Amino acid sequence: MGTYGNFNLVMREWKLGNITEAQAIGQILQLLEELEKRVAELERITKPPKIEKEIKETKGNEGK
């Protein structure tokens, strides 16, 4: 994760002149990359595998 840990801290440091625009952008990109990984992991653990979904759909359509 970025040095500052969250978007608001990055923005605060930039507004105070403690980091440059380039540094702020770099920190925001690091935060975005971390969020992308976290979302992918959440999607992986909360969605059933595709094969199970297809089996459920097939069983639901058998009587039609």
N, C-alpha and C. Protein backbone atom coordinates (compact mmCIF):
# COMPACT_ATOMS: atom_id res chain seq x y z
N MET A 1 0.84 -1.17 0.00
CA MET A 1 0.00 0.00 0.00
C MET A 1 0.89 1.23 0.00
N GLY A 2 0.33 2.33 -0.42
CA GLY A 2 1.08 3.57 -0.47
C GLY A 2 1.56 4.01 0.91
N THR A 3 2.51 4.87 0.93
CA THR A 3 3.09 5.36 2.18
C THR A 3 2.05 5.98 3.10
N TYR A 4 1.07 6.66 2.53
CA TYR A 4 0.12 7.42 3.33
C TYR A 4 -1.12 6.62 3.74
N GLY A 5 -1.33 5.46 3.17
CA GLY A 5 -2.39 4.57 3.62
C GLY A 5 -3.79 4.83 3.10
N ASN A 6 -4.13 6.08 2.80
CA ASN A 6 -5.45 6.31 2.22
C ASN A 6 -5.45 7.61 1.41
N PHE A 7 -6.46 7.73 0.59
CA PHE A 7 -6.56 8.84 -0.35
C PHE A 7 -6.57 10.20 0.34
N ASN A 8 -7.33 10.31 1.42
CA ASN A 8 -7.43 11.60 2.11
C ASN A 8 -6.09 12.07 2.65
N LEU A 9 -5.29 11.16 3.16
CA LEU A 9 -3.97 11.55 3.66
C LEU A 9 -3.07 12.02 2.52
N VAL A 10 -3.15 11.34 1.39
CA VAL A 10 -2.35 11.75 0.22
C VAL A 10 -2.75 13.16 -0.19
N MET A 11 -4.04 13.40 -0.29
CA MET A 11 -4.51 14.72 -0.70
C MET A 11 -4.10 15.80 0.30
N ARG A 12 -4.18 15.48 1.58
CA ARG A 12 -3.79 16.45 2.61
C ARG A 12 -2.30 16.81 2.48
N GLU A 13 -1.46 15.80 2.31
CA GLU A 13 -0.03 16.04 2.18
C GLU A 13 0.29 16.86 0.93
N TRP A 14 -0.44 16.59 -0.16
CA TRP A 14 -0.23 17.34 -1.39
C TRP A 14 -0.66 18.80 -1.21
N LYS A 15 -1.84 19.00 -0.61
CA LYS A 15 -2.33 20.36 -0.39
C LYS A 15 -1.41 21.16 0.52
N LEU A 16 -0.79 20.50 1.49
CA LEU A 16 0.13 21.17 2.40
C LEU A 16 1.50 21.40 1.76
N GLY A 17 1.70 20.84 0.57
CA GLY A 17 2.97 21.00 -0.12
C GLY A 17 4.06 20.06 0.36
N ASN A 18 3.67 19.03 1.09
CA ASN A 18 4.64 18.07 1.61
C ASN A 18 5.06 17.04 0.57
N ILE A 19 4.24 16.86 -0.47
CA ILE A 19 4.60 15.98 -1.57
C ILE A 19 4.26 16.67 -2.89
N THR A 20 4.96 16.28 -3.93
CA THR A 20 4.73 16.88 -5.24
C THR A 20 3.51 16.23 -5.91
N GLU A 21 3.09 16.84 -7.01
CA GLU A 21 1.98 16.25 -7.78
C GLU A 21 2.34 14.84 -8.24
N ALA A 22 3.58 14.68 -8.72
CA ALA A 22 4.01 13.36 -9.19
C ALA A 22 3.99 12.34 -8.06
N GLN A 23 4.41 12.75 -6.87
CA GLN A 23 4.39 11.84 -5.73
C GLN A 23 2.95 11.49 -5.34
N ALA A 24 2.07 12.47 -5.37
CA ALA A 24 0.66 12.23 -5.05
C ALA A 24 0.05 11.25 -6.04
N ILE A 25 0.33 11.45 -7.31
CA ILE A 25 -0.19 10.55 -8.34
C ILE A 25 0.35 9.14 -8.12
N GLY A 26 1.63 9.03 -7.83
CA GLY A 26 2.22 7.71 -7.56
C GLY A 26 1.56 7.03 -6.37
N GLN A 27 1.33 7.79 -5.31
CA GLN A 27 0.68 7.23 -4.13
C GLN A 27 -0.75 6.78 -4.44
N ILE A 28 -1.46 7.60 -5.20
CA ILE A 28 -2.84 7.25 -5.57
C ILE A 28 -2.87 6.00 -6.44
N LEU A 29 -1.91 5.87 -7.34
CA LEU A 29 -1.84 4.67 -8.17
C LEU A 29 -1.56 3.43 -7.32
N GLN A 30 -0.72 3.57 -6.32
CA GLN A 30 -0.44 2.44 -5.42
C GLN A 30 -1.70 2.06 -4.64
N LEU A 31 -2.44 3.06 -4.18
CA LEU A 31 -3.69 2.79 -3.47
C LEU A 31 -4.69 2.10 -4.39
N LEU A 32 -4.78 2.56 -5.63
CA LEU A 32 -5.69 1.95 -6.60
C LEU A 32 -5.31 0.50 -6.87
N GLU A 33 -4.04 0.23 -7.02
CA GLU A 33 -3.57 -1.13 -7.26
C GLU A 33 -3.94 -2.04 -6.08
N GLU A 34 -3.76 -1.56 -4.87
CA GLU A 34 -4.12 -2.34 -3.69
C GLU A 34 -5.63 -2.58 -3.63
N LEU A 35 -6.43 -1.57 -3.94
CA LEU A 35 -7.88 -1.74 -3.95
C LEU A 35 -8.32 -2.76 -5.00
N GLU A 36 -7.68 -2.73 -6.15
CA GLU A 36 -8.00 -3.68 -7.21
C GLU A 36 -7.76 -5.11 -6.73
N LYS A 37 -6.65 -5.33 -6.05
CA LYS A 37 -6.33 -6.66 -5.52
C LYS A 37 -7.36 -7.09 -4.48
N ARG A 38 -7.74 -6.15 -3.61
CA ARG A 38 -8.69 -6.48 -2.56
C ARG A 38 -10.07 -6.81 -3.13
N VAL A 39 -10.51 -6.05 -4.12
CA VAL A 39 -11.80 -6.31 -4.76
C VAL A 39 -11.78 -7.67 -5.46
N ALA A 40 -10.70 -7.97 -6.16
CA ALA A 40 -10.60 -9.26 -6.85
C ALA A 40 -10.67 -10.41 -5.85
N GLU A 41 -10.01 -10.26 -4.72
CA GLU A 41 -10.04 -11.30 -3.70
C GLU A 41 -11.45 -11.45 -3.12
N LEU A 42 -12.12 -10.35 -2.85
CA LEU A 42 -13.49 -10.42 -2.35
C LEU A 42 -14.42 -11.08 -3.36
N GLU A 43 -14.25 -10.74 -4.63
CA GLU A 43 -15.08 -11.37 -5.66
C GLU A 43 -14.80 -12.86 -5.74
N ARG A 44 -13.54 -13.22 -5.58
CA ARG A 44 -13.17 -14.64 -5.66
C ARG A 44 -13.80 -15.44 -4.52
N ILE A 45 -13.80 -14.89 -3.32
CA ILE A 45 -14.30 -15.67 -2.18
C ILE A 45 -15.81 -15.58 -2.01
N THR A 46 -16.46 -14.62 -2.65
CA THR A 46 -17.91 -14.49 -2.47
C THR A 46 -18.72 -15.06 -3.63
N LYS A 47 -18.10 -15.31 -4.76
CA LYS A 47 -18.81 -15.87 -5.90
C LYS A 47 -18.55 -17.37 -5.98
N PRO A 48 -19.62 -18.13 -6.16
CA PRO A 48 -19.40 -19.57 -6.33
C PRO A 48 -18.70 -19.81 -7.67
N PRO A 49 -17.95 -20.88 -7.75
CA PRO A 49 -17.32 -21.20 -9.04
C PRO A 49 -18.37 -21.30 -10.14
N LYS A 50 -17.98 -20.97 -11.34
CA LYS A 50 -18.91 -20.94 -12.47
C LYS A 50 -19.59 -22.28 -12.68
N ILE A 51 -18.88 -23.37 -12.51
CA ILE A 51 -19.45 -24.69 -12.75
C ILE A 51 -20.64 -24.94 -11.82
N GLU A 52 -20.56 -24.54 -10.55
CA GLU A 52 -21.68 -24.72 -9.64
C GLU A 52 -22.89 -23.92 -10.10
N LYS A 53 -22.66 -22.71 -10.57
CA LYS A 53 -23.75 -21.87 -11.05
C LYS A 53 -24.43 -22.53 -12.25
N GLU A 54 -23.63 -23.08 -13.15
CA GLU A 54 -24.20 -23.72 -14.34
C GLU A 54 -25.00 -24.96 -13.96
N ILE A 55 -24.53 -25.72 -12.98
CA ILE A 55 -25.25 -26.91 -12.53
C ILE A 55 -26.60 -26.50 -11.94
N LYS A 56 -26.61 -25.46 -11.11
CA LYS A 56 -27.84 -24.99 -10.50
C LYS A 56 -28.83 -24.52 -11.57
N GLU A 57 -28.33 -23.82 -12.58
CA GLU A 57 -29.20 -23.33 -13.65
C GLU A 57 -29.76 -24.49 -14.45
N THR A 58 -28.93 -25.49 -14.71
CA THR A 58 -29.37 -26.66 -15.47
C THR A 58 -30.46 -27.42 -14.70
N LYS A 59 -30.25 -27.62 -13.40
CA LYS A 59 -31.26 -28.31 -12.59
C LYS A 59 -32.55 -27.54 -12.53
N GLY A 60 -32.46 -26.23 -12.50
CA GLY A 60 -33.66 -25.40 -12.46
C GLY A 60 -34.46 -25.44 -13.75
N ASN A 61 -33.80 -25.77 -14.86
CA ASN A 61 -34.46 -25.79 -16.17
C ASN A 61 -34.92 -27.19 -16.58
N GLU A 62 -34.70 -28.21 -15.76
CA GLU A 62 -35.02 -29.58 -16.15
C GLU A 62 -36.52 -29.80 -16.34
N GLY A 63 -37.33 -29.15 -15.55
CA GLY A 63 -38.78 -29.35 -15.64
C GLY A 63 -39.44 -28.50 -16.68
N LYS A 64 -38.70 -27.74 -17.45
CA LYS A 64 -39.30 -26.84 -18.43
C LYS A 64 -39.37 -27.46 -19.80
